[in-house]
Amino acid sequence: GGQNWGNRAYFPRHSVDEDSTAVIEAFLAQFYENKLPPKTIIT
């Protein structure tokens, strides 16, 4: 609703040769596995 409801930092486990696009893809898929995504996600 336009209000800031806080933030949290994550440090996903991955190998050094993983591409950043693969890391963010895996993160988003797992992050929203147990919660509903909002209408807008910006990255």
PDB file of all heavy atoms in Angstrom:
ATOM      1  N   GLY A   1       0.823  -1.207   0.000  1.00  0.00           N
ATOM      2  CA  GLY A   1       0.000   0.000   0.000  1.00  0.00           C
ATOM      3  C   GLY A   1       0.858   1.258   0.000  1.00  0.00           C
ATOM      4  O   GLY A   1       0.446   2.293   0.504  1.00  0.00           O
ATOM      5  N   GLY A   2       2.064   1.175  -0.570  1.00  0.00           N
ATOM      6  CA  GLY A   2       2.965   2.317  -0.598  1.00  0.00           C
ATOM      7  C   GLY A   2       3.724   2.539   0.688  1.00  0.00           C
ATOM      8  O   GLY A   2       4.545   3.447   0.772  1.00  0.00           O
ATOM      9  N   GLN A   3       3.489   1.722   1.719  1.00  0.00           N
ATOM     10  CA  GLN A   3       4.164   1.881   3.004  1.00  0.00           C
ATOM     11  C   GLN A   3       5.351   0.924   3.098  1.00  0.00           C
ATOM     12  O   GLN A   3       5.285  -0.208   2.635  1.00  0.00           O
ATOM     13  CB  GLN A   3       3.200   1.589   4.158  1.00  0.00           C
ATOM     14  CG  GLN A   3       1.966   2.471   4.174  1.00  0.00           C
ATOM     15  CD  GLN A   3       1.019   2.085   5.289  1.00  0.00           C
ATOM     16  OE1 GLN A   3       1.403   1.457   6.266  1.00  0.00           O
ATOM     17  NE2 GLN A   3      -0.240   2.469   5.163  1.00  0.00           N
ATOM     18  N   ASN A   4       6.417   1.399   3.702  1.00  0.00           N
ATOM     19  CA  ASN A   4       7.606   0.577   3.896  1.00  0.00           C
ATOM     20  C   ASN A   4       7.392  -0.326   5.110  1.00  0.00           C
ATOM     21  O   ASN A   4       7.318   0.150   6.240  1.00  0.00           O
ATOM     22  CB  ASN A   4       8.822   1.479   4.109  1.00  0.00           C
ATOM     23  CG  ASN A   4      10.113   0.698   4.235  1.00  0.00           C
ATOM     24  OD1 ASN A   4      10.093  -0.525   4.345  1.00  0.00           O
ATOM     25  ND2 ASN A   4      11.227   1.386   4.233  1.00  0.00           N
ATOM     26  N   TRP A   5       7.318  -1.617   4.886  1.00  0.00           N
ATOM     27  CA  TRP A   5       7.102  -2.584   5.967  1.00  0.00           C
ATOM     28  C   TRP A   5       8.381  -3.324   6.329  1.00  0.00           C
ATOM     29  O   TRP A   5       8.344  -4.436   6.848  1.00  0.00           O
ATOM     30  CB  TRP A   5       5.986  -3.564   5.591  1.00  0.00           C
ATOM     31  CG  TRP A   5       4.627  -2.944   5.723  1.00  0.00           C
ATOM     32  CD1 TRP A   5       4.346  -1.646   6.061  1.00  0.00           C
ATOM     33  CD2 TRP A   5       3.357  -3.580   5.524  1.00  0.00           C
ATOM     34  NE1 TRP A   5       2.984  -1.429   6.072  1.00  0.00           N
ATOM     35  CE2 TRP A   5       2.355  -2.592   5.747  1.00  0.00           C
ATOM     36  CE3 TRP A   5       2.962  -4.853   5.159  1.00  0.00           C
ATOM     37  CZ2 TRP A   5       0.992  -2.870   5.629  1.00  0.00           C
ATOM     38  CZ3 TRP A   5       1.613  -5.129   5.044  1.00  0.00           C
ATOM     39  CH2 TRP A   5       0.643  -4.154   5.284  1.00  0.00           C
ATOM     40  N   GLY A   6       9.515  -2.719   6.066  1.00  0.00           N
ATOM     41  CA  GLY A   6      10.784  -3.261   6.519  1.00  0.00           C
ATOM     42  C   GLY A   6      11.568  -3.974   5.433  1.00  0.00           C
ATOM     43  O   GLY A   6      11.137  -4.072   4.287  1.00  0.00           O
ATOM     44  N   ASN A   7      12.749  -4.439   5.806  1.00  0.00           N
ATOM     45  CA  ASN A   7      13.630  -5.115   4.848  1.00  0.00           C
ATOM     46  C   ASN A   7      14.442  -6.194   5.549  1.00  0.00           C
ATOM     47  O   ASN A   7      14.566  -6.204   6.777  1.00  0.00           O
ATOM     48  CB  ASN A   7      14.574  -4.102   4.197  1.00  0.00           C
ATOM     49  CG  ASN A   7      15.477  -3.420   5.193  1.00  0.00           C
ATOM     50  OD1 ASN A   7      15.031  -2.642   6.028  1.00  0.00           O
ATOM     51  ND2 ASN A   7      16.764  -3.714   5.124  1.00  0.00           N
ATOM     52  N   ARG A   8      14.996  -7.100   4.755  1.00  0.00           N
ATOM     53  CA  ARG A   8      15.800  -8.189   5.292  1.00  0.00           C
ATOM     54  C   ARG A   8      16.882  -8.553   4.282  1.00  0.00           C
ATOM     55  O   ARG A   8      16.652  -8.525   3.068  1.00  0.00           O
ATOM     56  CB  ARG A   8      14.937  -9.410   5.599  1.00  0.00           C
ATOM     57  CG  ARG A   8      15.679 -10.506   6.333  1.00  0.00           C
ATOM     58  CD  ARG A   8      14.795 -11.713   6.613  1.00  0.00           C
ATOM     59  NE  ARG A   8      13.769 -11.431   7.608  1.00  0.00           N
ATOM     60  CZ  ARG A   8      12.932 -12.350   8.071  1.00  0.00           C
ATOM     61  NH1 ARG A   8      12.979 -13.589   7.603  1.00  0.00           N
ATOM     62  NH2 ARG A   8      12.029 -12.038   8.972  1.00  0.00           N
ATOM     63  N   ALA A   9      18.059  -8.912   4.789  1.00  0.00           N
ATOM     64  CA  ALA A   9      19.186  -9.295   3.936  1.00  0.00           C
ATOM     65  C   ALA A   9      19.327 -10.811   3.905  1.00  0.00           C
ATOM     66  O   ALA A   9      19.146 -11.484   4.923  1.00  0.00           O
ATOM     67  CB  ALA A   9      20.469  -8.654   4.439  1.00  0.00           C
ATOM     68  N   TYR A  10      19.656 -11.347   2.738  1.00  0.00           N
ATOM     69  CA  TYR A  10      19.876 -12.787   2.557  1.00  0.00           C
ATOM     70  C   TYR A  10      21.241 -13.020   1.920  1.00  0.00           C
ATOM     71  O   TYR A  10      21.716 -12.216   1.119  1.00  0.00           O
ATOM     72  CB  TYR A  10      18.790 -13.380   1.656  1.00  0.00           C
ATOM     73  CG  TYR A  10      17.422 -13.354   2.282  1.00  0.00           C
ATOM     74  CD1 TYR A  10      16.588 -12.256   2.109  1.00  0.00           C
ATOM     75  CD2 TYR A  10      16.965 -14.419   3.045  1.00  0.00           C
ATOM     76  CE1 TYR A  10      15.332 -12.216   2.691  1.00  0.00           C
ATOM     77  CE2 TYR A  10      15.703 -14.393   3.624  1.00  0.00           C
ATOM     78  CZ  TYR A  10      14.892 -13.291   3.445  1.00  0.00           C
ATOM     79  OH  TYR A  10      13.662 -13.251   4.024  1.00  0.00           O
ATOM     80  N   PHE A  11      21.839 -14.156   2.269  1.00  0.00           N
ATOM     81  CA  PHE A  11      23.141 -14.529   1.722  1.00  0.00           C
ATOM     82  C   PHE A  11      23.029 -15.950   1.174  1.00  0.00           C
ATOM     83  O   PHE A  11      23.418 -16.910   1.845  1.00  0.00           O
ATOM     84  CB  PHE A  11      24.221 -14.434   2.805  1.00  0.00           C
ATOM     85  CG  PHE A  11      24.316 -13.067   3.427  1.00  0.00           C
ATOM     86  CD1 PHE A  11      23.570 -12.752   4.558  1.00  0.00           C
ATOM     87  CD2 PHE A  11      25.134 -12.095   2.888  1.00  0.00           C
ATOM     88  CE1 PHE A  11      23.627 -11.487   5.138  1.00  0.00           C
ATOM     89  CE2 PHE A  11      25.209 -10.831   3.455  1.00  0.00           C
ATOM     90  CZ  PHE A  11      24.453 -10.525   4.581  1.00  0.00           C
ATOM     91  N   PRO A  12      22.475 -16.104  -0.030  1.00  0.00           N
ATOM     92  CA  PRO A  12      22.260 -17.447  -0.582  1.00  0.00           C
ATOM     93  C   PRO A  12      23.571 -18.200  -0.789  1.00  0.00           C
ATOM     94  O   PRO A  12      24.592 -17.609  -1.137  1.00  0.00           O
ATOM     95  CB  PRO A  12      21.557 -17.179  -1.917  1.00  0.00           C
ATOM     96  CG  PRO A  12      21.898 -15.768  -2.259  1.00  0.00           C
ATOM     97  CD  PRO A  12      22.039 -15.055  -0.960  1.00  0.00           C
ATOM     98  N   ARG A  13      23.517 -19.506  -0.587  1.00  0.00           N
ATOM     99  CA  ARG A  13      24.686 -20.355  -0.808  1.00  0.00           C
ATOM    100  C   ARG A  13      24.795 -20.703  -2.284  1.00  0.00           C
ATOM    101  O   ARG A  13      23.834 -21.202  -2.882  1.00  0.00           O
ATOM    102  CB  ARG A  13      24.548 -21.645   0.003  1.00  0.00           C
ATOM    103  CG  ARG A  13      25.787 -22.538  -0.026  1.00  0.00           C
ATOM    104  CD  ARG A  13      25.450 -23.937   0.443  1.00  0.00           C
ATOM    105  NE  ARG A  13      24.663 -24.664  -0.564  1.00  0.00           N
ATOM    106  CZ  ARG A  13      24.068 -25.817  -0.332  1.00  0.00           C
ATOM    107  NH1 ARG A  13      24.117 -26.356   0.868  1.00  0.00           N
ATOM    108  NH2 ARG A  13      23.391 -26.434  -1.285  1.00  0.00           N
ATOM    109  N   HIS A  14      25.953 -20.448  -2.879  1.00  0.00           N
ATOM    110  CA  HIS A  14      26.166 -20.794  -4.284  1.00  0.00           C
ATOM    111  C   HIS A  14      27.659 -20.907  -4.546  1.00  0.00           C
ATOM    112  O   HIS A  14      28.487 -20.392  -3.777  1.00  0.00           O
ATOM    113  CB  HIS A  14      25.540 -19.746  -5.209  1.00  0.00           C
ATOM    114  CG  HIS A  14      26.132 -18.372  -5.077  1.00  0.00           C
ATOM    115  ND1 HIS A  14      27.277 -17.982  -5.739  1.00  0.00           N
ATOM    116  CD2 HIS A  14      25.760 -17.285  -4.341  1.00  0.00           C
ATOM    117  CE1 HIS A  14      27.572 -16.731  -5.435  1.00  0.00           C
ATOM    118  NE2 HIS A  14      26.669 -16.276  -4.581  1.00  0.00           N
ATOM    119  N   SER A  15      28.007 -21.559  -5.622  1.00  0.00           N
ATOM    120  CA  SER A  15      29.412 -21.691  -5.988  1.00  0.00           C
ATOM    121  C   SER A  15      29.882 -20.399  -6.656  1.00  0.00           C
ATOM    122  O   SER A  15      29.078 -19.614  -7.164  1.00  0.00           O
ATOM    123  CB  SER A  15      29.614 -22.869  -6.943  1.00  0.00           C
ATOM    124  OG  SER A  15      28.945 -22.624  -8.165  1.00  0.00           O
ATOM    125  N   VAL A  16      31.188 -20.200  -6.688  1.00  0.00           N
ATOM    126  CA  VAL A  16      31.745 -18.957  -7.229  1.00  0.00           C
ATOM    127  C   VAL A  16      31.530 -18.844  -8.727  1.00  0.00           C
ATOM    128  O   VAL A  16      31.564 -17.735  -9.283  1.00  0.00           O
ATOM    129  CB  VAL A  16      33.253 -18.832  -6.911  1.00  0.00           C
ATOM    130  CG1 VAL A  16      33.465 -18.675  -5.419  1.00  0.00           C
ATOM    131  CG2 VAL A  16      34.016 -20.048  -7.442  1.00  0.00           C
ATOM    132  N   ASP A  17      31.286 -19.968  -9.410  1.00  0.00           N
ATOM    133  CA  ASP A  17      31.112 -19.896 -10.857  1.00  0.00           C
ATOM    134  C   ASP A  17      29.651 -19.706 -11.278  1.00  0.00           C
ATOM    135  O   ASP A  17      29.346 -19.654 -12.466  1.00  0.00           O
ATOM    136  CB  ASP A  17      31.682 -21.154 -11.539  1.00  0.00           C
ATOM    137  CG  ASP A  17      31.065 -22.443 -11.010  1.00  0.00           C
ATOM    138  OD1 ASP A  17      30.030 -22.376 -10.327  1.00  0.00           O
ATOM    139  OD2 ASP A  17      31.633 -23.512 -11.266  1.00  0.00           O
ATOM    140  N   GLU A  18      28.739 -19.604 -10.316  1.00  0.00           N
ATOM    141  CA  GLU A  18      27.337 -19.367 -10.652  1.00  0.00           C
ATOM    142  C   GLU A  18      27.148 -17.941 -11.161  1.00  0.00           C
ATOM    143  O   GLU A  18      27.643 -16.980 -10.570  1.00  0.00           O
ATOM    144  CB  GLU A  18      26.429 -19.588  -9.441  1.00  0.00           C
ATOM    145  CG  GLU A  18      26.227 -21.043  -9.078  1.00  0.00           C
ATOM    146  CD  GLU A  18      25.300 -21.778 -10.028  1.00  0.00           C
ATOM    147  OE1 GLU A  18      24.887 -21.191 -11.052  1.00  0.00           O
ATOM    148  OE2 GLU A  18      25.003 -22.945  -9.747  1.00  0.00           O
ATOM    149  N   ASP A  19      26.400 -17.805 -12.248  1.00  0.00           N
ATOM    150  CA  ASP A  19      26.092 -16.497 -12.806  1.00  0.00           C
ATOM    151  C   ASP A  19      25.083 -15.768 -11.923  1.00  0.00           C
ATOM    152  O   ASP A  19      24.208 -16.396 -11.316  1.00  0.00           O
ATOM    153  CB  ASP A  19      25.522 -16.670 -14.223  1.00  0.00           C
ATOM    154  CG  ASP A  19      25.314 -15.340 -14.913  1.00  0.00           C
ATOM    155  OD1 ASP A  19      26.304 -14.756 -15.389  1.00  0.00           O
ATOM    156  OD2 ASP A  19      24.164 -14.870 -14.939  1.00  0.00           O
ATOM    157  N   SER A  20      25.198 -14.430 -11.853  1.00  0.00           N
ATOM    158  CA  SER A  20      24.289 -13.634 -11.012  1.00  0.00           C
ATOM    159  C   SER A  20      22.833 -13.809 -11.422  1.00  0.00           C
ATOM    160  O   SER A  20      21.930 -13.773 -10.573  1.00  0.00           O
ATOM    161  CB  SER A  20      24.673 -12.160 -11.081  1.00  0.00           C
ATOM    162  OG  SER A  20      25.930 -11.948 -10.487  1.00  0.00           O
ATOM    163  N   THR A  21      22.576 -13.986 -12.730  1.00  0.00           N
ATOM    164  CA  THR A  21      21.195 -14.167 -13.186  1.00  0.00           C
ATOM    165  C   THR A  21      20.619 -15.485 -12.679  1.00  0.00           C
ATOM    166  O   THR A  21      19.428 -15.577 -12.362  1.00  0.00           O
ATOM    167  CB  THR A  21      21.117 -14.120 -14.721  1.00  0.00           C
ATOM    168  OG1 THR A  21      21.928 -15.169 -15.269  1.00  0.00           O
ATOM    169  CG2 THR A  21      21.614 -12.782 -15.248  1.00  0.00           C
ATOM    170  N   ALA A  22      21.465 -16.521 -12.586  1.00  0.00           N
ATOM    171  CA  ALA A  22      21.007 -17.816 -12.060  1.00  0.00           C
ATOM    172  C   ALA A  22      20.756 -17.730 -10.564  1.00  0.00           C
ATOM    173  O   ALA A  22      19.806 -18.328 -10.037  1.00  0.00           O
ATOM    174  CB  ALA A  22      22.044 -18.895 -12.368  1.00  0.00           C
ATOM    175  N   VAL A  23      21.595 -16.966  -9.860  1.00  0.00           N
ATOM    176  CA  VAL A  23      21.432 -16.812  -8.411  1.00  0.00           C
ATOM    177  C   VAL A  23      20.119 -16.105  -8.099  1.00  0.00           C
ATOM    178  O   VAL A  23      19.352 -16.541  -7.229  1.00  0.00           O
ATOM    179  CB  VAL A  23      22.623 -16.040  -7.806  1.00  0.00           C
ATOM    180  CG1 VAL A  23      22.370 -15.738  -6.323  1.00  0.00           C
ATOM    181  CG2 VAL A  23      23.913 -16.839  -7.961  1.00  0.00           C
ATOM    182  N   ILE A  24      19.828 -15.014  -8.803  1.00  0.00           N
ATOM    183  CA  ILE A  24      18.594 -14.259  -8.521  1.00  0.00           C
ATOM    184  C   ILE A  24      17.364 -15.059  -8.928  1.00  0.00           C
ATOM    185  O   ILE A  24      16.317 -15.009  -8.266  1.00  0.00           O
ATOM    186  CB  ILE A  24      18.618 -12.872  -9.213  1.00  0.00           C
ATOM    187  CG1 ILE A  24      17.580 -11.941  -8.573  1.00  0.00           C
ATOM    188  CG2 ILE A  24      18.368 -12.985 -10.699  1.00  0.00           C
ATOM    189  CD1 ILE A  24      17.945 -11.468  -7.201  1.00  0.00           C
ATOM    190  N   GLU A  25      17.469 -15.860  -9.991  1.00  0.00           N
ATOM    191  CA  GLU A  25      16.347 -16.707 -10.399  1.00  0.00           C
ATOM    192  C   GLU A  25      16.036 -17.736  -9.319  1.00  0.00           C
ATOM    193  O   GLU A  25      14.877 -17.912  -8.919  1.00  0.00           O
ATOM    194  CB  GLU A  25      16.662 -17.423 -11.719  1.00  0.00           C
ATOM    195  CG  GLU A  25      15.547 -18.372 -12.157  1.00  0.00           C
ATOM    196  CD  GLU A  25      15.979 -19.332 -13.257  1.00  0.00           C
ATOM    197  OE1 GLU A  25      17.127 -19.239 -13.723  1.00  0.00           O
ATOM    198  OE2 GLU A  25      15.157 -20.186 -13.630  1.00  0.00           O
ATOM    199  N   ALA A  26      17.086 -18.430  -8.847  1.00  0.00           N
ATOM    200  CA  ALA A  26      16.881 -19.437  -7.806  1.00  0.00           C
ATOM    201  C   ALA A  26      16.365 -18.798  -6.523  1.00  0.00           C
ATOM    202  O   ALA A  26      15.493 -19.350  -5.844  1.00  0.00           O
ATOM    203  CB  ALA A  26      18.195 -20.179  -7.548  1.00  0.00           C
ATOM    204  N   PHE A  27      16.889 -17.626  -6.186  1.00  0.00           N
ATOM    205  CA  PHE A  27      16.456 -16.939  -4.967  1.00  0.00           C
ATOM    206  C   PHE A  27      14.969 -16.607  -5.033  1.00  0.00           C
ATOM    207  O   PHE A  27      14.218 -16.894  -4.092  1.00  0.00           O
ATOM    208  CB  PHE A  27      17.267 -15.657  -4.764  1.00  0.00           C
ATOM    209  CG  PHE A  27      16.764 -14.807  -3.639  1.00  0.00           C
ATOM    210  CD1 PHE A  27      17.141 -15.063  -2.325  1.00  0.00           C
ATOM    211  CD2 PHE A  27      15.885 -13.754  -3.873  1.00  0.00           C
ATOM    212  CE1 PHE A  27      16.649 -14.297  -1.279  1.00  0.00           C
ATOM    213  CE2 PHE A  27      15.396 -12.973  -2.838  1.00  0.00           C
ATOM    214  CZ  PHE A  27      15.781 -13.252  -1.537  1.00  0.00           C
ATOM    215  N   LEU A  28      14.533 -15.978  -6.124  1.00  0.00           N
ATOM    216  CA  LEU A  28      13.132 -15.561  -6.234  1.00  0.00           C
ATOM    217  C   LEU A  28      12.193 -16.771  -6.220  1.00  0.00           C
ATOM    218  O   LEU A  28      11.134 -16.731  -5.589  1.00  0.00           O
ATOM    219  CB  LEU A  28      12.927 -14.737  -7.508  1.00  0.00           C
ATOM    220  CG  LEU A  28      13.578 -13.347  -7.517  1.00  0.00           C
ATOM    221  CD1 LEU A  28      13.424 -12.694  -8.886  1.00  0.00           C
ATOM    222  CD2 LEU A  28      12.981 -12.449  -6.435  1.00  0.00           C
ATOM    223  N   ALA A  29      12.574 -17.847  -6.902  1.00  0.00           N
ATOM    224  CA  ALA A  29      11.724 -19.038  -6.931  1.00  0.00           C
ATOM    225  C   ALA A  29      11.564 -19.625  -5.534  1.00  0.00           C
ATOM    226  O   ALA A  29      10.460 -19.993  -5.118  1.00  0.00           O
ATOM    227  CB  ALA A  29      12.312 -20.071  -7.886  1.00  0.00           C
ATOM    228  N   GLN A  30      12.660 -19.696  -4.778  1.00  0.00           N
ATOM    229  CA  GLN A  30      12.593 -20.250  -3.421  1.00  0.00           C
ATOM    230  C   GLN A  30      11.967 -19.272  -2.438  1.00  0.00           C
ATOM    231  O   GLN A  30      11.246 -19.668  -1.516  1.00  0.00           O
ATOM    232  CB  GLN A  30      13.993 -20.628  -2.952  1.00  0.00           C
ATOM    233  CG  GLN A  30      14.612 -21.768  -3.740  1.00  0.00           C
ATOM    234  CD  GLN A  30      16.050 -22.043  -3.343  1.00  0.00           C
ATOM    235  OE1 GLN A  30      16.360 -22.152  -2.155  1.00  0.00           O
ATOM    236  NE2 GLN A  30      16.937 -22.143  -4.325  1.00  0.00           N
ATOM    237  N   PHE A  31      12.227 -17.981  -2.619  1.00  0.00           N
ATOM    238  CA  PHE A  31      11.713 -16.967  -1.708  1.00  0.00           C
ATOM    239  C   PHE A  31      10.184 -16.934  -1.711  1.00  0.00           C
ATOM    240  O   PHE A  31       9.550 -16.827  -0.655  1.00  0.00           O
ATOM    241  CB  PHE A  31      12.269 -15.597  -2.117  1.00  0.00           C
ATOM    242  CG  PHE A  31      11.889 -14.473  -1.194  1.00  0.00           C
ATOM    243  CD1 PHE A  31      12.475 -14.354   0.058  1.00  0.00           C
ATOM    244  CD2 PHE A  31      10.957 -13.524  -1.574  1.00  0.00           C
ATOM    245  CE1 PHE A  31      12.131 -13.315   0.910  1.00  0.00           C
ATOM    246  CE2 PHE A  31      10.611 -12.487  -0.728  1.00  0.00           C
ATOM    247  CZ  PHE A  31      11.196 -12.380   0.513  1.00  0.00           C
ATOM    248  N   TYR A  32       9.589 -17.046  -2.897  1.00  0.00           N
ATOM    249  CA  TYR A  32       8.134 -16.968  -3.000  1.00  0.00           C
ATOM    250  C   TYR A  32       7.466 -18.342  -2.961  1.00  0.00           C
ATOM    251  O   TYR A  32       6.260 -18.444  -3.173  1.00  0.00           O
ATOM    252  CB  TYR A  32       7.731 -16.238  -4.284  1.00  0.00           C
ATOM    253  CG  TYR A  32       8.087 -14.761  -4.241  1.00  0.00           C
ATOM    254  CD1 TYR A  32       9.061 -14.243  -5.078  1.00  0.00           C
ATOM    255  CD2 TYR A  32       7.458 -13.908  -3.338  1.00  0.00           C
ATOM    256  CE1 TYR A  32       9.406 -12.896  -5.030  1.00  0.00           C
ATOM    257  CE2 TYR A  32       7.794 -12.567  -3.275  1.00  0.00           C
ATOM    258  CZ  TYR A  32       8.765 -12.067  -4.124  1.00  0.00           C
ATOM    259  OH  TYR A  32       9.101 -10.733  -4.064  1.00  0.00           O
ATOM    260  N   GLU A  33       8.242 -19.378  -2.646  1.00  0.00           N
ATOM    261  CA  GLU A  33       7.665 -20.716  -2.590  1.00  0.00           C
ATOM    262  C   GLU A  33       6.616 -20.828  -1.492  1.00  0.00           C
ATOM    263  O   GLU A  33       5.606 -21.515  -1.650  1.00  0.00           O
ATOM    264  CB  GLU A  33       8.793 -21.741  -2.372  1.00  0.00           C
ATOM    265  CG  GLU A  33       8.350 -23.191  -2.463  1.00  0.00           C
ATOM    266  CD  GLU A  33       7.796 -23.710  -1.149  1.00  0.00           C
ATOM    267  OE1 GLU A  33       8.254 -23.252  -0.076  1.00  0.00           O
ATOM    268  OE2 GLU A  33       6.901 -24.573  -1.190  1.00  0.00           O
ATOM    269  N   ASN A  34       6.815 -20.129  -0.369  1.00  0.00           N
ATOM    270  CA  ASN A  34       5.879 -20.234   0.757  1.00  0.00           C
ATOM    271  C   ASN A  34       5.180 -18.915   1.070  1.00  0.00           C
ATOM    272  O   ASN A  34       4.673 -18.719   2.165  1.00  0.00           O
ATOM    273  CB  ASN A  34       6.608 -20.737   2.002  1.00  0.00           C
ATOM    274  CG  ASN A  34       7.689 -19.761   2.472  1.00  0.00           C
ATOM    275  OD1 ASN A  34       8.057 -18.831   1.746  1.00  0.00           O
ATOM    276  ND2 ASN A  34       8.195 -19.963   3.674  1.00  0.00           N
ATOM    277  N   LYS A  35       5.177 -17.992   0.118  1.00  0.00           N
ATOM    278  CA  LYS A  35       4.480 -16.716   0.321  1.00  0.00           C
ATOM    279  C   LYS A  35       3.980 -16.179  -1.007  1.00  0.00           C
ATOM    280  O   LYS A  35       4.573 -16.461  -2.069  1.00  0.00           O
ATOM    281  CB  LYS A  35       5.397 -15.701   1.012  1.00  0.00           C
ATOM    282  CG  LYS A  35       6.660 -15.378   0.234  1.00  0.00           C
ATOM    283  CD  LYS A  35       7.567 -14.437   1.005  1.00  0.00           C
ATOM    284  CE  LYS A  35       8.258 -15.114   2.153  1.00  0.00           C
ATOM    285  NZ  LYS A  35       9.251 -16.157   1.720  1.00  0.00           N
ATOM    286  N   LEU A  36       2.896 -15.418  -0.968  1.00  0.00           N
ATOM    287  CA  LEU A  36       2.342 -14.866  -2.196  1.00  0.00           C
ATOM    288  C   LEU A  36       3.181 -13.683  -2.675  1.00  0.00           C
ATOM    289  O   LEU A  36       3.483 -12.784  -1.891  1.00  0.00           O
ATOM    290  CB  LEU A  36       0.901 -14.401  -1.976  1.00  0.00           C
ATOM    291  CG  LEU A  36      -0.156 -15.491  -1.854  1.00  0.00           C
ATOM    292  CD1 LEU A  36      -1.518 -14.863  -1.577  1.00  0.00           C
ATOM    293  CD2 LEU A  36      -0.220 -16.340  -3.115  1.00  0.00           C
ATOM    294  N   PRO A  37       3.571 -13.676  -3.941  1.00  0.00           N
ATOM    295  CA  PRO A  37       4.314 -12.524  -4.463  1.00  0.00           C
ATOM    296  C   PRO A  37       3.395 -11.328  -4.624  1.00  0.00           C
ATOM    297  O   PRO A  37       2.190 -11.482  -4.871  1.00  0.00           O
ATOM    298  CB  PRO A  37       4.816 -13.020  -5.826  1.00  0.00           C
ATOM    299  CG  PRO A  37       3.834 -14.070  -6.228  1.00  0.00           C
ATOM    300  CD  PRO A  37       3.382 -14.722  -4.956  1.00  0.00           C
ATOM    301  N   PRO A  38       3.922 -10.102  -4.491  1.00  0.00           N
ATOM    302  CA  PRO A  38       3.108  -8.909  -4.727  1.00  0.00           C
ATOM    303  C   PRO A  38       2.879  -8.704  -6.223  1.00  0.00           C
ATOM    304  O   PRO A  38       3.426  -9.450  -7.054  1.00  0.00           O
ATOM    305  CB  PRO A  38       3.974  -7.787  -4.146  1.00  0.00           C
ATOM    306  CG  PRO A  38       5.370  -8.279  -4.355  1.00  0.00           C
ATOM    307  CD  PRO A  38       5.320  -9.774  -4.166  1.00  0.00           C
ATOM    308  N   LYS A  39       2.123  -7.683  -6.552  1.00  0.00           N
ATOM    309  CA  LYS A  39       1.853  -7.422  -7.964  1.00  0.00           C
ATOM    310  C   LYS A  39       3.104  -6.989  -8.716  1.00  0.00           C
ATOM    311  O   LYS A  39       3.247  -7.242  -9.906  1.00  0.00           O
ATOM    312  CB  LYS A  39       0.767  -6.338  -8.099  1.00  0.00           C
ATOM    313  CG  LYS A  39      -0.602  -6.778  -7.618  1.00  0.00           C
ATOM    314  CD  LYS A  39      -1.625  -5.683  -7.807  1.00  0.00           C
ATOM    315  CE  LYS A  39      -3.002  -6.134  -7.347  1.00  0.00           C
ATOM    316  NZ  LYS A  39      -4.022  -5.071  -7.499  1.00  0.00           N
ATOM    317  N   THR A  40       4.025  -6.337  -8.003  1.00  0.00           N
ATOM    318  CA  THR A  40       5.219  -5.807  -8.654  1.00  0.00           C
ATOM    319  C   THR A  40       6.478  -6.259  -7.921  1.00  0.00           C
ATOM    320  O   THR A  40       6.566  -6.159  -6.705  1.00  0.00           O
ATOM    321  CB  THR A  40       5.185  -4.266  -8.684  1.00  0.00           C
ATOM    322  OG1 THR A  40       3.977  -3.836  -9.324  1.00  0.00           O
ATOM    323  CG2 THR A  40       6.375  -3.700  -9.445  1.00  0.00           C
ATOM    324  N   ILE A  41       7.443  -6.768  -8.674  1.00  0.00           N
ATOM    325  CA  ILE A  41       8.768  -7.109  -8.153  1.00  0.00           C
ATOM    326  C   ILE A  41       9.789  -6.377  -9.010  1.00  0.00           C
ATOM    327  O   ILE A  41       9.801  -6.554 -10.237  1.00  0.00           O
ATOM    328  CB  ILE A  41       9.043  -8.617  -8.211  1.00  0.00           C
ATOM    329  CG1 ILE A  41       7.994  -9.388  -7.403  1.00  0.00           C
ATOM    330  CG2 ILE A  41      10.446  -8.939  -7.705  1.00  0.00           C
ATOM    331  CD1 ILE A  41       8.034 -10.882  -7.623  1.00  0.00           C
ATOM    332  N   ILE A  42      10.612  -5.537  -8.395  1.00  0.00           N
ATOM    333  CA  ILE A  42      11.649  -4.846  -9.160  1.00  0.00           C
ATOM    334  C   ILE A  42      13.010  -5.305  -8.667  1.00  0.00           C
ATOM    335  O   ILE A  42      13.199  -5.542  -7.472  1.00  0.00           O
ATOM    336  CB  ILE A  42      11.510  -3.310  -9.091  1.00  0.00           C
ATOM    337  CG1 ILE A  42      11.671  -2.797  -7.661  1.00  0.00           C
ATOM    338  CG2 ILE A  42      10.188  -2.862  -9.664  1.00  0.00           C
ATOM    339  CD1 ILE A  42      11.661  -1.288  -7.563  1.00  0.00           C
ATOM    340  N   THR A  43      13.939  -5.456  -9.585  1.00  0.00           N
ATOM    341  CA  THR A  43      15.253  -5.980  -9.251  1.00  0.00           C
ATOM    342  C   THR A  43      16.321  -5.360 -10.138  1.00  0.00           C
ATOM    343  O   THR A  43      16.004  -4.895 -11.239  1.00  0.00           O
ATOM    344  CB  THR A  43      15.276  -7.516  -9.391  1.00  0.00           C
ATOM    345  OG1 THR A  43      16.576  -8.011  -9.098  1.00  0.00           O
ATOM    346  CG2 THR A  43      14.879  -7.944 -10.788  1.00  0.00           C
TER     347      THR A  43
END
